[in-house]
Amino acid sequence: MTTRRDVLKRLAALAVAGALPRAVRALPWSAASIKRVGVQLYTVRTAMNKDVPATLQAVAKIGYREVEFAGYFKHSPADIRRMLDDNGLRSPSTHLGLEEVRARFDTVAEAANVMGHKYLTVPSLDMRSLKTPDDWKKVADVFNDLGRKAQGAGLRFAYHNHAAEFAAVQGQVPMDILLGGTDPLLVAFEMDLYWITQAGADPRTYFARFPGRFELVHVKDSEGAPGHKMTEVGAGTMDWKGILAQHKKAGIRHYFVEHDQPADPMASIRVSYDYLKALRF
């Protein structure tokens, strides 16, 4: 039986030999695949801080067609948009702090429309202030309000999870409160598939319970217990074929590779891209 590790080793060897495309066609997988693999640019933030045009060019050369931002690296949205267009890239989503979205919504929305973003995605919350289920219900209300504002600007509001959202608070799971308390027409979710797994939950369970809510996903792998060390997609223990086979039920439209602390960021995103581009599910 071919394992994910076997596939990863095979892809790496084929990439070196220049034989990857023909070999990928020969792999015995079924029909569905990711048409446009994306990357969260936080993964290559050191390179982006040094040279944005060269980094975007390198990302596109690997094969990525979508990128997700978390700041514009001291460039204007208009400048960044030109760089994206020059490299055949588009950016459906950007990460922004909740208070930034609330306090500077018009400015944020204007930049998003220049960039071509669809999603204004909040990547985290201040967990220190969220001590009761009612605190989380208030957050859901804020999300709905921002979702209405985003909708009025031709955008969509989204939230990205970490692990803390799956730790019960007074018998209730915060992620369930957010999903149950937000209007699907106003609020989307970016499921971080590593963090939900690290929290001990199963993304497939959430896809079944809340179908269509997870329009974006972060794709990064785990080496498993006990340390749950983050690793390149396909190099860990996560069942990517089983998880991504539920893409229609989940509502996934965009897939962003991410690795928080890669030893070699460009090599890391290349390995993850090769695995995902070859994957059939």
Protein backbone atom coordinates (compact mmCIF):
# COMPACT_ATOMS: atom_id res chain seq x y z
CA MET A 1 0.00 0.00 0.00
CA THR A 2 1.37 3.42 -0.96
CA THR A 3 1.55 5.83 1.98
CA ARG A 4 1.66 9.62 1.96
CA ARG A 5 5.34 9.47 2.90
CA ASP A 6 6.02 7.20 -0.07
CA VAL A 7 4.26 9.68 -2.36
CA LEU A 8 6.21 12.62 -0.96
CA LYS A 9 9.53 10.84 -1.47
CA ARG A 10 8.50 9.89 -4.99
CA LEU A 11 7.47 13.45 -5.84
CA ALA A 12 10.74 14.86 -4.51
CA ALA A 13 12.79 12.42 -6.57
CA LEU A 14 10.73 13.08 -9.68
CA ALA A 15 10.99 16.84 -9.24
CA VAL A 16 14.77 16.56 -9.15
CA ALA A 17 14.72 14.37 -12.24
CA GLY A 18 12.38 16.71 -14.09
CA ALA A 19 9.85 13.94 -14.61
CA LEU A 20 7.07 15.07 -12.31
CA PRO A 21 4.26 15.95 -14.76
CA ARG A 22 4.23 12.60 -16.56
CA ALA A 23 4.52 10.69 -13.29
CA VAL A 24 1.67 12.60 -11.70
CA ARG A 25 -0.62 11.62 -14.55
CA ALA A 26 0.26 7.99 -13.89
CA LEU A 27 -0.56 8.01 -10.15
CA PRO A 28 -3.57 5.78 -9.38
CA TRP A 29 -5.99 8.32 -7.87
CA SER A 30 -9.56 9.27 -8.60
CA ALA A 31 -11.04 12.35 -10.20
CA ALA A 32 -11.19 15.39 -7.87
CA SER A 33 -8.19 17.68 -7.51
CA ILE A 34 -7.27 21.22 -6.46
CA LYS A 35 -7.31 23.41 -9.55
CA ARG A 36 -5.68 26.48 -8.02
CA VAL A 37 -3.37 25.81 -5.09
CA GLY A 38 -2.79 28.84 -2.88
CA VAL A 39 -0.29 29.84 -0.20
CA GLN A 40 -0.51 32.06 2.87
CA LEU A 41 2.40 34.46 2.41
CA TYR A 42 3.11 34.46 6.15
CA THR A 43 5.01 31.25 5.35
CA VAL A 44 7.53 33.22 3.25
CA ARG A 45 7.37 36.43 5.28
CA THR A 46 11.16 36.78 5.61
CA ALA A 47 11.56 36.76 1.84
CA MET A 48 8.58 39.08 1.40
CA ASN A 49 10.12 41.58 3.82
CA LYS A 50 13.30 41.58 1.74
CA ASP A 51 11.96 41.59 -1.83
CA VAL A 52 8.24 41.42 -2.59
CA PRO A 53 8.43 41.28 -6.43
CA ALA A 54 11.08 38.54 -6.45
CA THR A 55 9.23 36.49 -3.85
CA LEU A 56 5.91 36.66 -5.68
CA GLN A 57 7.69 35.68 -8.87
CA ALA A 58 9.26 32.68 -7.11
CA VAL A 59 5.90 31.65 -5.63
CA ALA A 60 4.29 31.79 -9.07
CA LYS A 61 7.17 29.85 -10.62
CA ILE A 62 6.53 26.96 -8.22
CA GLY A 63 3.00 26.84 -9.61
CA TYR A 64 0.89 28.69 -7.07
CA ARG A 65 -1.96 30.68 -8.55
CA GLU A 66 -3.48 32.17 -5.38
CA VAL A 67 -1.92 33.92 -2.41
CA GLU A 68 -3.30 35.10 0.90
CA PHE A 69 -1.84 38.20 2.52
CA ALA A 70 -1.25 39.19 6.14
CA GLY A 71 -0.06 42.75 5.54
CA TYR A 72 1.32 44.36 2.40
CA PHE A 73 5.01 44.54 3.35
CA LYS A 74 5.36 48.33 3.09
CA HIS A 75 3.88 48.48 -0.42
CA SER A 76 0.63 50.09 -1.53
CA PRO A 77 -2.29 47.87 -2.54
CA ALA A 78 -2.03 49.25 -6.08
CA ASP A 79 1.66 48.31 -6.32
CA ILE A 80 1.01 44.84 -4.96
CA ARG A 81 -1.89 44.32 -7.36
CA ARG A 82 0.39 45.11 -10.31
CA MET A 83 2.91 42.56 -9.06
CA LEU A 84 0.18 39.95 -8.74
CA ASP A 85 -1.08 40.63 -12.24
CA ASP A 86 2.45 40.47 -13.64
CA ASN A 87 2.85 36.96 -12.22
CA GLY A 88 -0.57 35.53 -12.99
CA LEU A 89 -1.54 35.52 -9.32
CA ARG A 90 -4.72 36.53 -7.54
CA SER A 91 -5.42 37.08 -3.86
CA PRO A 92 -8.90 36.04 -2.73
CA SER A 93 -8.23 36.69 0.97
CA THR A 94 -6.28 38.81 3.42
CA HIS A 95 -5.76 38.47 7.17
CA LEU A 96 -6.62 41.46 9.33
CA GLY A 97 -6.98 42.01 13.06
CA LEU A 98 -10.53 42.28 14.34
CA GLU A 99 -10.03 45.76 15.76
CA GLU A 100 -8.47 46.95 12.50
CA VAL A 101 -11.52 45.80 10.56
CA ARG A 102 -13.86 47.45 13.07
CA ALA A 103 -11.99 50.74 13.38
CA ARG A 104 -10.86 51.21 9.77
CA PHE A 105 -13.49 49.36 7.77
CA ASP A 106 -13.74 51.82 4.88
CA THR A 107 -9.96 51.93 4.40
CA VAL A 108 -9.68 48.16 4.66
CA ALA A 109 -12.50 47.62 2.18
CA GLU A 110 -11.01 50.08 -0.30
CA ALA A 111 -7.64 48.29 -0.17
CA ALA A 112 -9.36 44.91 -0.54
CA ASN A 113 -11.18 46.00 -3.65
CA VAL A 114 -7.96 47.30 -5.19
CA MET A 115 -6.22 44.02 -4.39
CA GLY A 116 -9.06 41.87 -5.65
CA HIS A 117 -9.68 40.28 -2.26
CA LYS A 118 -13.09 38.77 -1.65
CA TYR A 119 -12.58 37.78 1.98
CA LEU A 120 -11.62 39.94 4.95
CA THR A 121 -10.40 37.19 7.26
CA VAL A 122 -9.75 37.67 10.96
CA PRO A 123 -7.02 35.16 11.91
CA SER A 124 -7.34 35.14 15.71
CA LEU A 125 -8.95 36.70 18.76
CA ASP A 126 -7.73 37.84 22.17
CA MET A 127 -8.65 34.70 24.09
CA ARG A 128 -7.94 36.37 27.44
CA SER A 129 -11.17 38.33 27.17
CA LEU A 130 -13.33 35.36 26.20
CA LYS A 131 -14.10 33.55 29.43
CA THR A 132 -17.78 32.59 29.12
CA PRO A 133 -20.17 31.33 26.42
CA ASP A 134 -21.84 34.75 26.48
CA ASP A 135 -18.51 36.36 25.58
CA TRP A 136 -18.34 34.13 22.51
CA LYS A 137 -21.96 34.89 21.60
CA LYS A 138 -21.09 38.59 21.61
CA VAL A 139 -18.23 37.85 19.22
CA ALA A 140 -20.68 36.07 16.92
CA ASP A 141 -22.86 39.20 16.96
CA VAL A 142 -19.83 41.33 16.03
CA PHE A 143 -19.04 38.95 13.19
CA ASN A 144 -22.59 39.27 11.85
CA ASP A 145 -22.37 43.07 11.97
CA LEU A 146 -19.06 43.05 10.11
CA GLY A 147 -20.47 40.53 7.66
CA ARG A 148 -23.25 42.97 6.79
CA LYS A 149 -20.75 45.77 6.27
CA ALA A 150 -18.56 43.55 4.13
CA GLN A 151 -21.53 42.46 2.06
CA GLY A 152 -22.41 46.09 1.44
CA ALA A 153 -18.89 46.68 0.14
CA GLY A 154 -19.00 43.67 -2.18
CA LEU A 155 -16.83 41.62 0.17
CA ARG A 156 -17.19 38.71 2.59
CA PHE A 157 -16.17 38.48 6.23
CA ALA A 158 -14.43 35.30 7.45
CA TYR A 159 -12.82 33.89 10.59
CA HIS A 160 -9.77 31.60 10.88
CA ASN A 161 -9.49 29.20 13.81
CA HIS A 162 -6.64 28.00 15.95
CA ALA A 163 -6.92 25.24 18.59
CA ALA A 164 -8.40 27.28 21.45
CA GLU A 165 -11.80 27.56 19.78
CA PHE A 166 -12.32 23.82 20.35
CA ALA A 167 -11.65 23.85 24.12
CA ALA A 168 -14.97 23.81 25.98
CA VAL A 169 -15.92 26.87 28.02
CA GLN A 170 -18.46 26.08 30.72
CA GLY A 171 -19.59 23.06 28.75
CA GLN A 172 -19.85 24.80 25.38
CA VAL A 173 -17.38 24.72 22.48
CA PRO A 174 -16.56 28.25 21.25
CA MET A 175 -16.26 27.15 17.61
CA ASP A 176 -19.78 25.72 17.81
CA ILE A 177 -21.04 29.00 19.27
CA LEU A 178 -19.48 30.97 16.42
CA LEU A 179 -20.79 28.65 13.73
CA GLY A 180 -24.24 28.43 15.27
CA GLY A 181 -24.50 32.13 16.06
CA THR A 182 -23.45 33.59 12.71
CA ASP A 183 -25.51 33.94 9.56
CA PRO A 184 -24.09 31.77 6.72
CA LEU A 185 -25.02 34.52 4.27
CA LEU A 186 -22.83 36.99 6.17
CA VAL A 187 -19.94 35.04 7.73
CA ALA A 188 -17.64 32.41 6.24
CA PHE A 189 -14.98 30.37 8.00
CA GLU A 190 -11.40 29.53 7.12
CA MET A 191 -10.80 26.12 8.67
CA ASP A 192 -7.18 25.64 9.70
CA LEU A 193 -6.93 21.90 9.22
CA TYR A 194 -3.76 21.60 11.31
CA TRP A 195 -5.08 23.45 14.33
CA ILE A 196 -8.42 21.66 14.50
CA THR A 197 -6.57 18.35 14.33
CA GLN A 198 -4.09 19.47 16.98
CA ALA A 199 -7.07 20.33 19.20
CA GLY A 200 -8.30 16.74 18.94
CA ALA A 201 -11.31 17.47 16.74
CA ASP A 202 -12.04 16.05 13.29
CA PRO A 203 -12.62 18.52 10.44
CA ARG A 204 -14.89 16.01 8.72
CA THR A 205 -17.24 16.10 11.70
CA TYR A 206 -17.50 19.87 11.39
CA PHE A 207 -18.00 19.65 7.63
CA ALA A 208 -20.96 17.33 8.27
CA ARG A 209 -22.44 19.40 11.12
CA PHE A 210 -22.01 22.78 9.41
CA PRO A 211 -22.07 22.11 5.66
CA GLY A 212 -21.02 24.87 3.32
CA ARG A 213 -19.51 27.10 6.03
CA PHE A 214 -15.82 26.51 5.32
CA GLU A 215 -15.13 28.43 2.13
CA LEU A 216 -11.39 28.63 2.78
CA VAL A 217 -8.94 26.21 4.38
CA HIS A 218 -5.36 26.37 5.62
CA VAL A 219 -3.51 23.23 4.59
CA LYS A 220 -0.57 22.21 6.76
CA ASP A 221 0.44 18.85 8.16
CA SER A 222 1.21 17.44 11.61
CA GLU A 223 3.72 14.83 12.64
CA GLY A 224 1.13 13.67 15.17
CA ALA A 225 1.26 13.00 18.89
CA PRO A 226 2.81 13.77 21.21
CA GLY A 227 4.36 16.95 19.87
CA HIS A 228 2.11 17.65 16.85
CA LYS A 229 5.07 19.28 15.13
CA MET A 230 4.01 21.18 12.02
CA THR A 231 5.43 19.86 8.76
CA GLU A 232 4.99 20.03 5.00
CA VAL A 233 1.75 18.77 3.50
CA GLY A 234 2.04 15.05 2.84
CA ALA A 235 5.01 14.59 5.17
CA GLY A 236 2.91 14.08 8.29
CA THR A 237 0.09 11.93 9.58
CA MET A 238 -3.04 13.75 8.39
CA ASP A 239 -5.44 11.96 6.05
CA TRP A 240 -5.53 14.49 3.22
CA LYS A 241 -7.38 12.28 0.80
CA GLY A 242 -10.10 11.58 3.37
CA ILE A 243 -10.38 15.19 4.53
CA LEU A 244 -10.39 16.86 1.13
CA ALA A 245 -12.80 14.29 -0.31
CA GLN A 246 -15.39 16.21 1.73
CA HIS A 247 -14.64 19.49 -0.08
CA LYS A 248 -18.11 19.84 -1.57
CA LYS A 249 -19.87 19.25 1.73
CA ALA A 250 -17.51 21.68 3.46
CA GLY A 251 -17.99 24.34 0.78
CA ILE A 252 -14.26 24.79 0.17
CA ARG A 253 -13.38 27.28 -2.56
CA HIS A 254 -9.80 28.20 -1.69
CA TYR A 255 -6.89 26.15 -0.36
CA PHE A 256 -3.90 27.93 1.21
CA VAL A 257 -0.71 26.09 2.14
CA GLU A 258 0.87 27.39 5.34
CA HIS A 259 3.77 26.53 7.64
CA ASP A 260 4.42 28.77 10.63
CA GLN A 261 8.14 28.06 11.12
CA PRO A 262 9.62 26.23 8.11
CA ALA A 263 13.38 25.61 8.08
CA ASP A 264 13.52 26.61 4.40
CA PRO A 265 10.31 28.46 3.43
CA MET A 266 10.65 28.19 -0.34
CA ALA A 267 11.58 24.52 -0.21
CA SER A 268 8.69 23.94 2.19
CA ILE A 269 6.03 25.49 -0.02
CA ARG A 270 7.42 23.65 -3.06
CA VAL A 271 7.07 20.24 -1.34
CA SER A 272 3.54 21.08 -0.19
CA TYR A 273 2.56 22.35 -3.63
CA ASP A 274 3.87 19.24 -5.39
CA TYR A 275 1.96 16.96 -3.03
CA LEU A 276 -1.33 18.86 -3.31
CA LYS A 277 -1.13 19.33 -7.05
CA ALA A 278 -0.68 15.58 -7.49
CA LEU A 279 -3.34 14.59 -4.96
CA ARG A 280 -6.60 13.10 -6.21
CA PHE A 281 -9.50 12.62 -3.83
